[in-house]
């Protein structure tokens, strides 16, 4: 698959197409660190009590928290991928430029943080196109990576991958191979794979430009957050609440099981608000949402520094360029248990 306007790293990604992984990864495994740039009042867990129309009325803390995260990464000499919410980028363009100036990869986290499976295809396309344009206009660079709000590309919204490819994204990091109340495709592969789409045929609502260039959107690389198998279960260790809930010793052991045991890279994520235990607190959300959001916020920074000191991290685009090969699946095969077995 030849990607349009590709850099050397992207061309490397495009040429990877089979299921053998071991050759180049054994000597020096580098994992991916990602950041979902959103504010504390924009999380999906509080959407029932905080509507996007009211976001402007809340104290924003995303700049200070992201700047703190940038300082931590600079001290550790780590480059990451920042999936930036379009609404936030629009209001804090200098923050986008600071992230870019520090050498990090810029990605998209949607514009309005709407769950994908609650959008129509047209609504998703419009939101995605708007979010991508905002970050590209600010930075002057192409945005090729996407992460859905709350990992909301599920079995019922797999159509989103075709739209992402048509809109110019080369990879997605939204399919969590676990079972959870709000997201997840339990049988999806645990490690990066390339999704072969439907013969370059555009989805409904594609512009004439997209229809004329649909052949360019025959595939997209999927980069799942990390998990570990345990008996008949798959446990999430990708980050967020899982990172704050899991005791550090067990979390490091889980990473070691993937990096040292499986000889595969991990894909981890964090939010800037997780470094902010003093953030304003919502008292009227569900107990589960409040538990997930506020648990161990005061411990996040220390745990993150420990993580960065022990393991090697880079951006998603650099991680994909390092992989010797990436296995392929059709769109229809993703939810199948057979697909996971075939990629082992």
Foldseek 3Di string as FASTA:
>chain_A
DDAPPDDPLLRLLVPFAAQDFFDQLQPAHAFAEEAEQDFPLQAPLCCVPHPLVCVVVDDGDRQVLVVVVLVLCVVLVAAHEYAYAQCVCQVCLVSLVVNVVSPHHYAHAWHRQDQQLVDDPQRRLVRRLSSQVSSCVSHVDHHAEYEYRVLRCAPNNLVVLLSSLLSRHQAYAREALFDDDRHHQVLFAQAKAKAFEDQLCHDPPRDPVSRVVSNNRRIHIYGYAHWPDDDPHIGGLQEQLNLLPDPLVVSVVSQCCVCVVVSHHGHHYDYSCLCPLPDDDDPPGDPVSRCRHNRNSVCVVVSVSVVSVPHHYHYPSNSSSSTPHHYYDYSVCRSPNVNNVVSD
